[in-house]
PDB file of N, CA and C in Angstrom:
ATOM      1  N   MET A   1      76.160 150.551 154.730  1.00  0.00           N
ATOM      2  CA  MET A   1      76.808 149.247 155.251  1.00  0.00           C
ATOM      3  C   MET A   1      76.040 148.601 156.303  1.00  0.00           C
ATOM      4  N   SER A   2      75.603 147.143 156.187  1.00  0.00           N
ATOM      5  CA  SER A   2      74.925 146.672 157.272  1.00  0.00           C
ATOM      6  C   SER A   2      75.732 146.125 158.478  1.00  0.00           C
ATOM      7  N   ALA A   3      75.187 145.881 159.627  1.00  0.00           N
ATOM      8  CA  ALA A   3      75.778 145.429 160.673  1.00  0.00           C
ATOM      9  C   ALA A   3      76.226 143.983 160.623  1.00  0.00           C
ATOM     10  N   PRO A   4      77.378 143.568 160.960  1.00  0.00           N
ATOM     11  CA  PRO A   4      77.865 142.280 160.792  1.00  0.00           C
ATOM     12  C   PRO A   4      76.892 141.292 161.377  1.00  0.00           C
ATOM     13  N   SER A   5      76.607 139.963 160.710  1.00  0.00           N
ATOM     14  CA  SER A   5      75.897 139.032 161.406  1.00  0.00           C
ATOM     15  C   SER A   5      76.393 138.479 162.550  1.00  0.00           C
ATOM     16  N   ALA A   6      75.534 137.854 163.626  1.00  0.00           N
ATOM     17  CA  ALA A   6      76.062 137.113 164.624  1.00  0.00           C
ATOM     18  C   ALA A   6      77.019 136.063 164.265  1.00  0.00           C
ATOM     19  N   GLY A   7      77.030 135.454 163.271  1.00  0.00           N
ATOM     20  CA  GLY A   7      77.869 134.409 162.899  1.00  0.00           C
ATOM     21  C   GLY A   7      79.214 134.951 162.555  1.00  0.00           C
ATOM     22  N   ARG A   8      79.285 136.067 161.773  1.00  0.00           N
ATOM     23  CA  ARG A   8      80.482 136.676 161.356  1.00  0.00           C
ATOM     24  C   ARG A   8      81.155 137.419 162.669  1.00  0.00           C
ATOM     25  N   ARG A   9      80.436 138.048 163.547  1.00  0.00           N
ATOM     26  CA  ARG A   9      80.845 138.599 164.755  1.00  0.00           C
ATOM     27  C   ARG A   9      81.542 137.529 165.650  1.00  0.00           C
ATOM     28  N   ALA A  10      80.893 136.304 165.602  1.00  0.00           N
ATOM     29  CA  ALA A  10      81.432 135.168 166.468  1.00  0.00           C
ATOM     30  C   ALA A  10      82.610 134.621 165.898  1.00  0.00           C
ATOM     31  N   ALA A  11      82.659 134.550 164.627  1.00  0.00           N
ATOM     32  CA  ALA A  11      84.029 134.159 163.976  1.00  0.00           C
ATOM     33  C   ALA A  11      85.137 135.144 164.348  1.00  0.00           C
ATOM     34  N   GLU A  12      84.680 136.336 164.201  1.00  0.00           N
ATOM     35  CA  GLU A  12      85.777 137.329 164.478  1.00  0.00           C
ATOM     36  C   GLU A  12      86.219 137.471 165.914  1.00  0.00           C
ATOM     37  N   THR A  13      85.481 137.110 166.908  1.00  0.00           N
ATOM     38  CA  THR A  13      85.874 137.209 168.357  1.00  0.00           C
ATOM     39  C   THR A  13      86.224 135.916 168.974  1.00  0.00           C
ATOM     40  N   GLY A  14      85.906 134.785 168.313  1.00  0.00           N
ATOM     41  CA  GLY A  14      86.069 133.398 168.782  1.00  0.00           C
ATOM     42  C   GLY A  14      85.177 132.898 169.645  1.00  0.00           C
ATOM     43  N   THR A  15      83.983 133.527 169.689  1.00  0.00           N
ATOM     44  CA  THR A  15      82.784 132.986 170.481  1.00  0.00           C
ATOM     45  C   THR A  15      82.071 132.068 169.642  1.00  0.00           C
ATOM     46  N   ALA A  16      81.078 131.420 170.198  1.00  0.00           N
ATOM     47  CA  ALA A  16      80.383 130.439 169.653  1.00  0.00           C
ATOM     48  C   ALA A  16      79.068 131.066 168.966  1.00  0.00           C
ATOM     49  N   THR A  17      78.425 130.490 168.185  1.00  0.00           N
ATOM     50  CA  THR A  17      77.049 130.995 167.553  1.00  0.00           C
ATOM     51  C   THR A  17      76.279 129.772 167.650  1.00  0.00           C
ATOM     52  N   LEU A  18      75.023 130.049 168.254  1.00  0.00           N
ATOM     53  CA  LEU A  18      73.926 129.224 168.301  1.00  0.00           C
ATOM     54  C   LEU A  18      72.976 129.546 167.095  1.00  0.00           C
ATOM     55  N   HIS A  19      72.716 128.472 166.218  1.00  0.00           N
ATOM     56  CA  HIS A  19      71.721 128.461 165.119  1.00  0.00           C
ATOM     57  C   HIS A  19      70.521 127.817 165.555  1.00  0.00           C
ATOM     58  N   ILE A  20      69.509 128.444 165.229  1.00  0.00           N
ATOM     59  CA  ILE A  20      68.101 127.952 165.364  1.00  0.00           C
ATOM     60  C   ILE A  20      67.505 127.478 164.185  1.00  0.00           C
ATOM     61  N   ASP A  21      67.228 126.271 163.852  1.00  0.00           N
ATOM     62  CA  ASP A  21      66.718 125.764 162.460  1.00  0.00           C
ATOM     63  C   ASP A  21      65.124 125.722 162.777  1.00  0.00           C
ATOM     64  N   TRP A  22      64.409 126.835 162.492  1.00  0.00           N
ATOM     65  CA  TRP A  22      62.938 126.929 162.504  1.00  0.00           C
ATOM     66  C   TRP A  22      62.124 125.904 161.870  1.00  0.00           C
ATOM     67  N   THR A  23      62.862 125.171 160.841  1.00  0.00           N
ATOM     68  CA  THR A  23      62.206 124.179 160.105  1.00  0.00           C
ATOM     69  C   THR A  23      61.905 122.883 160.890  1.00  0.00           C
ATOM     70  N   LEU A  24      62.980 122.624 161.887  1.00  0.00           N
ATOM     71  CA  LEU A  24      62.826 121.660 162.741  1.00  0.00           C
ATOM     72  C   LEU A  24      62.138 121.802 164.036  1.00  0.00           C
ATOM     73  N   CYS A  25      62.144 123.210 164.511  1.00  0.00           N
ATOM     74  CA  CYS A  25      61.737 123.556 165.790  1.00  0.00           C
ATOM     75  C   CYS A  25      60.019 123.394 165.819  1.00  0.00           C
ATOM     76  N   ASP A  26      59.655 122.963 167.028  1.00  0.00           N
ATOM     77  CA  ASP A  26      58.255 122.977 167.058  1.00  0.00           C
ATOM     78  C   ASP A  26      57.698 123.973 168.426  1.00  0.00           C
ATOM     79  N   GLY A  27      58.649 124.752 168.743  1.00  0.00           N
ATOM     80  CA  GLY A  27      58.222 125.768 169.859  1.00  0.00           C
ATOM     81  C   GLY A  27      58.044 125.140 171.208  1.00  0.00           C
ATOM     82  N   ARG A  28      58.631 124.205 171.403  1.00  0.00           N
ATOM     83  CA  ARG A  28      58.520 123.637 173.061  1.00  0.00           C
ATOM     84  C   ARG A  28      59.018 124.661 173.940  1.00  0.00           C
ATOM     85  N   GLY A  29      60.108 125.432 173.651  1.00  0.00           N
ATOM     86  CA  GLY A  29      60.546 126.615 174.524  1.00  0.00           C
ATOM     87  C   GLY A  29      61.708 126.044 175.502  1.00  0.00           C
ATOM     88  N   LEU A  30      62.210 124.834 175.531  1.00  0.00           N
ATOM     89  CA  LEU A  30      63.256 124.427 176.412  1.00  0.00           C
ATOM     90  C   LEU A  30      64.384 125.465 176.194  1.00  0.00           C
ATOM     91  N   CYS A  31      64.769 125.623 175.166  1.00  0.00           N
ATOM     92  CA  CYS A  31      65.963 126.430 175.023  1.00  0.00           C
ATOM     93  C   CYS A  31      65.854 127.826 175.393  1.00  0.00           C
ATOM     94  N   THR A  32      64.742 128.415 175.486  1.00  0.00           N
ATOM     95  CA  THR A  32      64.667 129.541 175.924  1.00  0.00           C
ATOM     96  C   THR A  32      64.589 129.476 177.483  1.00  0.00           C
ATOM     97  N   GLU A  33      64.268 128.507 178.242  1.00  0.00           N
ATOM     98  CA  GLU A  33      64.312 128.372 179.644  1.00  0.00           C
ATOM     99  C   GLU A  33      65.741 128.196 179.986  1.00  0.00           C
ATOM    100  N   LEU A  34      66.610 127.488 179.126  1.00  0.00           N
ATOM    101  CA  LEU A  34      67.990 127.311 179.382  1.00  0.00           C
ATOM    102  C   LEU A  34      68.779 128.453 179.030  1.00  0.00           C
ATOM    103  N   LEU A  35      68.439 129.219 178.157  1.00  0.00           N
ATOM    104  CA  LEU A  35      69.100 130.492 177.842  1.00  0.00           C
ATOM    105  C   LEU A  35      68.437 131.819 177.724  1.00  0.00           C
ATOM    106  N   PRO A  36      67.742 132.230 178.865  1.00  0.00           N
ATOM    107  CA  PRO A  36      66.826 133.262 179.031  1.00  0.00           C
ATOM    108  C   PRO A  36      67.639 134.509 178.593  1.00  0.00           C
ATOM    109  N   GLU A  37      68.937 134.757 178.821  1.00  0.00           N
ATOM    110  CA  GLU A  37      69.689 135.876 178.583  1.00  0.00           C
ATOM    111  C   GLU A  37      69.928 136.219 177.119  1.00  0.00           C
ATOM    112  N   LEU A  38      69.811 134.997 176.295  1.00  0.00           N
ATOM    113  CA  LEU A  38      69.923 135.145 174.769  1.00  0.00           C
ATOM    114  C   LEU A  38      68.579 134.844 173.816  1.00  0.00           C
ATOM    115  N   LEU A  39      67.689 134.194 174.572  1.00  0.00           N
ATOM    116  CA  LEU A  39      66.731 133.789 173.643  1.00  0.00           C
ATOM    117  C   LEU A  39      65.080 134.193 174.326  1.00  0.00           C
ATOM    118  N   GLU A  40      64.316 134.588 173.493  1.00  0.00           N
ATOM    119  CA  GLU A  40      62.841 134.749 173.802  1.00  0.00           C
ATOM    120  C   GLU A  40      62.012 134.054 173.003  1.00  0.00           C
ATOM    121  N   ARG A  41      60.771 134.022 173.226  1.00  0.00           N
ATOM    122  CA  ARG A  41      59.711 133.215 172.484  1.00  0.00           C
ATOM    123  C   ARG A  41      58.933 134.295 171.801  1.00  0.00           C
ATOM    124  N   ASP A  42      58.527 133.712 170.574  1.00  0.00           N
ATOM    125  CA  ASP A  42      57.614 134.700 169.854  1.00  0.00           C
ATOM    126  C   ASP A  42      56.327 134.445 170.279  1.00  0.00           C
ATOM    127  N   GLU A  43      55.108 134.980 169.611  1.00  0.00           N
ATOM    128  CA  GLU A  43      53.859 134.843 169.966  1.00  0.00           C
ATOM    129  C   GLU A  43      53.598 133.417 169.760  1.00  0.00           C
ATOM    130  N   TRP A  44      54.187 132.513 168.921  1.00  0.00           N
ATOM    131  CA  TRP A  44      53.664 131.043 168.653  1.00  0.00           C
ATOM    132  C   TRP A  44      54.639 130.098 169.514  1.00  0.00           C
ATOM    133  N   GLY A  45      55.555 130.604 170.309  1.00  0.00           N
ATOM    134  CA  GLY A  45      56.535 129.854 171.179  1.00  0.00           C
ATOM    135  C   GLY A  45      57.646 129.543 170.659  1.00  0.00           C
ATOM    136  N   TYR A  46      58.010 130.051 169.344  1.00  0.00           N
ATOM    137  CA  TYR A  46      59.357 129.748 168.649  1.00  0.00           C
ATOM    138  C   TYR A  46      60.405 130.585 169.404  1.00  0.00           C
ATOM    139  N   PRO A  47      61.799 130.079 169.491  1.00  0.00           N
ATOM    140  CA  PRO A  47      62.623 130.868 169.969  1.00  0.00           C
ATOM    141  C   PRO A  47      63.299 131.967 169.028  1.00  0.00           C
ATOM    142  N   LEU A  48      63.641 133.107 169.505  1.00  0.00           N
ATOM    143  CA  LEU A  48      64.231 134.225 168.749  1.00  0.00           C
ATOM    144  C   LEU A  48      65.381 134.775 169.503  1.00  0.00           C
ATOM    145  N   ALA A  49      66.478 135.251 168.990  1.00  0.00           N
ATOM    146  CA  ALA A  49      67.555 135.936 169.628  1.00  0.00           C
ATOM    147  C   ALA A  49      66.959 137.214 170.341  1.00  0.00           C
ATOM    148  N   ARG A  50      67.185 137.581 171.444  1.00  0.00           N
ATOM    149  CA  ARG A  50      66.728 138.791 172.156  1.00  0.00           C
ATOM    150  C   ARG A  50      67.230 139.911 171.439  1.00  0.00           C
ATOM    151  N   ARG A  51      68.420 139.822 170.690  1.00  0.00           N
ATOM    152  CA  ARG A  51      69.051 140.957 170.061  1.00  0.00           C
ATOM    153  C   ARG A  51      68.967 140.746 168.577  1.00  0.00           C
ATOM    154  N   GLY A  52      69.046 141.786 167.671  1.00  0.00           N
ATOM    155  CA  GLY A  52      69.318 141.617 166.344  1.00  0.00           C
ATOM    156  C   GLY A  52      67.969 141.900 165.584  1.00  0.00           C
ATOM    157  N   ASP A  53      68.100 142.142 164.271  1.00  0.00           N
ATOM    158  CA  ASP A  53      66.998 142.400 163.393  1.00  0.00           C
ATOM    159  C   ASP A  53      66.471 141.104 163.027  1.00  0.00           C
ATOM    160  N   ALA A  54      65.138 141.185 162.377  1.00  0.00           N
ATOM    161  CA  ALA A  54      64.485 139.982 162.159  1.00  0.00           C
ATOM    162  C   ALA A  54      65.198 138.998 161.227  1.00  0.00           C
ATOM    163  N   SER A  55      65.963 139.455 160.300  1.00  0.00           N
ATOM    164  CA  SER A  55      66.658 138.593 159.303  1.00  0.00           C
ATOM    165  C   SER A  55      67.832 137.756 160.066  1.00  0.00           C
ATOM    166  N   SER A  56      68.227 138.306 161.204  1.00  0.00           N
ATOM    167  CA  SER A  56      69.558 137.452 161.996  1.00  0.00           C
ATOM    168  C   SER A  56      69.032 137.074 163.156  1.00  0.00           C
ATOM    169  N   ARG A  57      67.806 136.844 163.517  1.00  0.00           N
ATOM    170  CA  ARG A  57      67.293 136.288 164.824  1.00  0.00           C
ATOM    171  C   ARG A  57      67.515 134.712 165.038  1.00  0.00           C
ATOM    172  N   SER A  58      67.866 134.215 163.898  1.00  0.00           N
ATOM    173  CA  SER A  58      67.989 132.587 164.083  1.00  0.00           C
ATOM    174  C   SER A  58      69.497 132.263 164.415  1.00  0.00           C
ATOM    175  N   ASP A  59      70.411 133.243 164.373  1.00  0.00           N
ATOM    176  CA  ASP A  59      71.927 132.936 164.637  1.00  0.00           C
ATOM    177  C   ASP A  59      72.239 133.827 165.832  1.00  0.00           C
ATOM    178  N   VAL A  60      72.598 133.352 166.862  1.00  0.00           N
ATOM    179  CA  VAL A  60      72.865 134.043 168.378  1.00  0.00           C
ATOM    180  C   VAL A  60      74.227 133.969 168.755  1.00  0.00           C
ATOM    181  N   ALA A  61      75.000 135.062 168.880  1.00  0.00           N
ATOM    182  CA  ALA A  61      76.398 135.080 169.330  1.00  0.00           C
ATOM    183  C   ALA A  61      76.098 134.610 170.921  1.00  0.00           C
ATOM    184  N   VAL A  62      77.155 133.631 171.408  1.00  0.00           N
ATOM    185  CA  VAL A  62      76.780 133.137 172.542  1.00  0.00           C
ATOM    186  C   VAL A  62      78.274 133.523 173.305  1.00  0.00           C
ATOM    187  N   PRO A  63      78.120 134.385 174.308  1.00  0.00           N
ATOM    188  CA  PRO A  63      79.236 134.827 175.122  1.00  0.00           C
ATOM    189  C   PRO A  63      79.951 133.517 175.826  1.00  0.00           C
ATOM    190  N   ALA A  64      81.226 133.540 176.059  1.00  0.00           N
ATOM    191  CA  ALA A  64      81.951 132.522 176.658  1.00  0.00           C
ATOM    192  C   ALA A  64      81.296 131.918 177.980  1.00  0.00           C
ATOM    193  N   ARG A  65      80.871 132.801 178.731  1.00  0.00           N
ATOM    194  CA  ARG A  65      80.149 132.351 180.008  1.00  0.00           C
ATOM    195  C   ARG A  65      78.911 131.539 179.847  1.00  0.00           C
ATOM    196  N   LEU A  66      78.222 131.469 178.592  1.00  0.00           N
ATOM    197  CA  LEU A  66      76.915 130.885 178.461  1.00  0.00           C
ATOM    198  C   LEU A  66      77.197 129.671 177.588  1.00  0.00           C
ATOM    199  N   THR A  67      78.537 129.334 177.116  1.00  0.00           N
ATOM    200  CA  THR A  67      78.794 128.203 176.215  1.00  0.00           C
ATOM    201  C   THR A  67      78.253 126.940 176.695  1.00  0.00           C
ATOM    202  N   GLU A  68      78.405 126.772 178.013  1.00  0.00           N
ATOM    203  CA  GLU A  68      78.019 125.373 178.423  1.00  0.00           C
ATOM    204  C   GLU A  68      76.572 125.321 178.452  1.00  0.00           C
ATOM    205  N   ALA A  69      75.796 126.458 178.907  1.00  0.00           N
ATOM    206  CA  ALA A  69      74.369 126.388 178.777  1.00  0.00           C
ATOM    207  C   ALA A  69      73.649 126.182 177.252  1.00  0.00           C
ATOM    208  N   ALA A  70      74.629 126.730 176.314  1.00  0.00           N
ATOM    209  CA  ALA A  70      74.301 126.597 175.047  1.00  0.00           C
ATOM    210  C   ALA A  70      74.348 125.214 174.526  1.00  0.00           C
ATOM    211  N   ARG A  71      75.381 124.456 174.867  1.00  0.00           N
ATOM    212  CA  ARG A  71      75.588 123.200 174.756  1.00  0.00           C
ATOM    213  C   ARG A  71      74.601 122.246 175.304  1.00  0.00           C
ATOM    214  N   ASP A  72      74.288 122.480 176.541  1.00  0.00           N
ATOM    215  CA  ASP A  72      73.069 121.787 177.316  1.00  0.00           C
ATOM    216  C   ASP A  72      71.836 121.992 176.254  1.00  0.00           C
ATOM    217  N   ALA A  73      71.461 123.284 175.820  1.00  0.00           N
ATOM    218  CA  ALA A  73      70.193 123.527 175.038  1.00  0.00           C
ATOM    219  C   ALA A  73      70.287 122.603 173.690  1.00  0.00           C
ATOM    220  N   VAL A  74      71.465 122.575 173.186  1.00  0.00           N
ATOM    221  CA  VAL A  74      71.716 121.898 171.849  1.00  0.00           C
ATOM    222  C   VAL A  74      71.273 120.266 172.226  1.00  0.00           C
ATOM    223  N   ALA A  75      72.095 119.977 173.285  1.00  0.00           N
ATOM    224  CA  ALA A  75      71.846 118.402 173.525  1.00  0.00           C
ATOM    225  C   ALA A  75      70.439 118.043 174.029  1.00  0.00           C
ATOM    226  N   LEU A  76      69.802 118.916 174.589  1.00  0.00           N
ATOM    227  CA  LEU A  76      68.312 118.680 175.062  1.00  0.00           C
ATOM    228  C   LEU A  76      67.269 119.004 174.330  1.00  0.00           C
ATOM    229  N   CYS A  77      67.510 119.673 173.162  1.00  0.00           N
ATOM    230  CA  CYS A  77      66.434 120.147 172.211  1.00  0.00           C
ATOM    231  C   CYS A  77      65.685 118.984 171.646  1.00  0.00           C
ATOM    232  N   PRO A  78      64.388 118.649 171.878  1.00  0.00           N
ATOM    233  CA  PRO A  78      63.777 117.501 171.679  1.00  0.00           C
ATOM    234  C   PRO A  78      63.495 117.372 170.103  1.00  0.00           C
ATOM    235  N   ARG A  79      63.780 118.355 169.304  1.00  0.00           N
ATOM    236  CA  ARG A  79      63.764 118.368 167.751  1.00  0.00           C
ATOM    237  C   ARG A  79      64.855 118.472 167.180  1.00  0.00           C
ATOM    238  N   ALA A  80      66.108 118.586 167.851  1.00  0.00           N
ATOM    239  CA  ALA A  80      67.486 118.721 167.187  1.00  0.00           C
ATOM    240  C   ALA A  80      67.483 119.919 166.243  1.00  0.00           C
ATOM    241  N   ALA A  81      66.884 121.113 166.877  1.00  0.00           N
ATOM    242  CA  ALA A  81      66.747 122.178 165.923  1.00  0.00           C
ATOM    243  C   ALA A  81      67.803 123.203 166.199  1.00  0.00           C
ATOM    244  N   LEU A  82      68.812 122.946 167.215  1.00  0.00           N
ATOM    245  CA  LEU A  82      69.772 123.797 167.410  1.00  0.00           C
ATOM    246  C   LEU A  82      71.209 123.276 167.058  1.00  0.00           C
ATOM    247  N   ARG A  83      71.911 124.231 166.751  1.00  0.00           N
ATOM    248  CA  ARG A  83      73.442 123.747 166.364  1.00  0.00           C
ATOM    249  C   ARG A  83      74.243 124.881 166.933  1.00  0.00           C
ATOM    250  N   LEU A  84      75.398 124.485 167.611  1.00  0.00           N
ATOM    251  CA  LEU A  84      76.305 125.337 168.121  1.00  0.00           C
ATOM    252  C   LEU A  84      77.667 125.233 167.193  1.00  0.00           C
ATOM    253  N   ARG A  85      77.872 126.574 166.724  1.00  0.00           N
ATOM    254  CA  ARG A  85      79.042 126.604 165.810  1.00  0.00           C
ATOM    255  C   ARG A  85      80.053 127.526 166.474  1.00  0.00           C
ATOM    256  N   GLY A  86      81.376 126.973 166.089  1.00  0.00           N
ATOM    257  CA  GLY A  86      82.478 127.810 166.711  1.00  0.00           C
ATOM    258  C   GLY A  86      82.712 127.687 168.261  1.00  0.00           C
ATOM    259  N   GLY A  87      83.564 128.590 168.736  1.00  0.00           N
ATOM    260  CA  GLY A  87      83.913 128.573 170.110  1.00  0.00           C
ATOM    261  C   GLY A  87      84.624 127.423 170.494  1.00  0.00           C
ATOM    262  N   SER A  88      84.932 127.189 171.700  1.00  0.00           N
ATOM    263  CA  SER A  88      85.777 126.057 172.022  1.00  0.00           C
ATOM    264  C   SER A  88      85.284 125.219 173.320  1.00  0.00           C
TER     265      SER A  88
END
């Protein structure tokens, strides 16, 4: 049995999930600067979740203490490549 996805874990715990749409992203890295606890950049500059396997690194569980920073990252993303799901 595989580990639950970040989205499913977030839904179960009431936390938010930050989704990265790599088809829209151009790797500017602003989100990684705003959320260094959650995101890192790959060798081309695209954001990845710091934790998780390769198939789930576009969905990041956001702890409550970082929800406001995640909202800022979504609002400031120049390519609108981020979505925040769930949480309050």
